[in-house]
Amino acid sequence: IQSSEPRSIPVAVKNTICYVNYNDDRQCVNNNTNLRMIYYITPTYPRPEQVPELMRLAHTLMHVPRLHWIVADDQSVCSEPVISILRRTGLPFTHISSPKPFIYKTTNYPRGVANRRAALEWLHDNVSDGVMYFGDDDNAVDLQLFDEIRTTKKVSMFPVGLIGNYGVSTPIVRKGKVLGFYDSWPASRTFPVDMAGFAVNIDFLKESANMPFIAGHEEDKFLVSLDLNIEDIEPLASNCTKVLVWHTKTVKHKKSTLKVNIKKLSTMAKYENFANMLQEISKLGLADLDAENGIQSFITRNRKTYKSVSVL
């Protein structure tokens, strides 16, 4: 007999703290130390869209005072493209290698749990004050949201746009109190909210706080593990009447393999810059290069001449 209650499989993964930077090197941001620090947790994973999505999010976060960006990456190595983005922001940051347990590698679900658990572990070990927020690398965020979540006393909540069939996931509020939730996938959850729809005061982040590997129930089980009561929830965004964060989704690109002998191409002075460009897209995960197999690609000139890169 199959139980209707989702079950979690306890698994262990080996996380690595790649780099921690506590300095804020941004010259144009007022980092008043009286402001509470926001710890913005971003789970990410290698794919062609990873670098541009992190870059887009970085240019939002670079405008936010007193923010520490925790990026937990689902790969077993410390990614050079990811650390490069983090260093260029000037933000304080923590970069964690947090690979998904092998048991989940073939299903791609549940996404981001190992990453968020690694970030929570780092917070428990290193932080005693501030506000924690889960922000995916494909989210779009209004800067006003940061000002609002900084005031969180226990757990604050707010609407998230572009969620499910309803177009939004949001608490329902009357006279400053949460009465219920509007979400197209309630699924018998105590708190049917999106991951981007709440923030937690570090003081309220109990040692027991945990996120299980249960697809679709990550948010709910995490909030339940805080011993949260509906009466504790602080509605933001004008009593949950405004959308300040959206769960946008980038079109997925299948990574191509290009038939290119990059070693040979790199020795040809005429194509030195072009070879460097191809090596760059390989490093960023946009395409693979293979001397024997892959897509035939061409260099064109004057709309008439076509030269195969594979035979250069």
Foldseek 3Di string as FASTA:
>chain_A
DDDLDFDFDDDDDDKDFPDFFPFQQDPPEDQDVVFFAEEEEEEEEDALCGLVLQLVVLVLCLHAHRYEYEYEYQDPDQAPSVVVSVVVSSHGYIYMDFHDPPVCVVPCAPPPQSRVQVVLVCCVVPPQWGKYAYDYSQKDFANVVSVWRSPQPAKEFAKAACAPPVRIKGFQDDPFAGDGIDHPCPSVFPDQGDRRTMMGTSNLQDPQQHAGRGHPCRVRSRCVSSVDDSRSYGYDPVRRPDHGMYNDDDDHDDAFEEQAPLVVQCVDPVCVVVSVVVVVSVSSNRYHYHNPDGDWDWDDDPVPDTDTNSVD
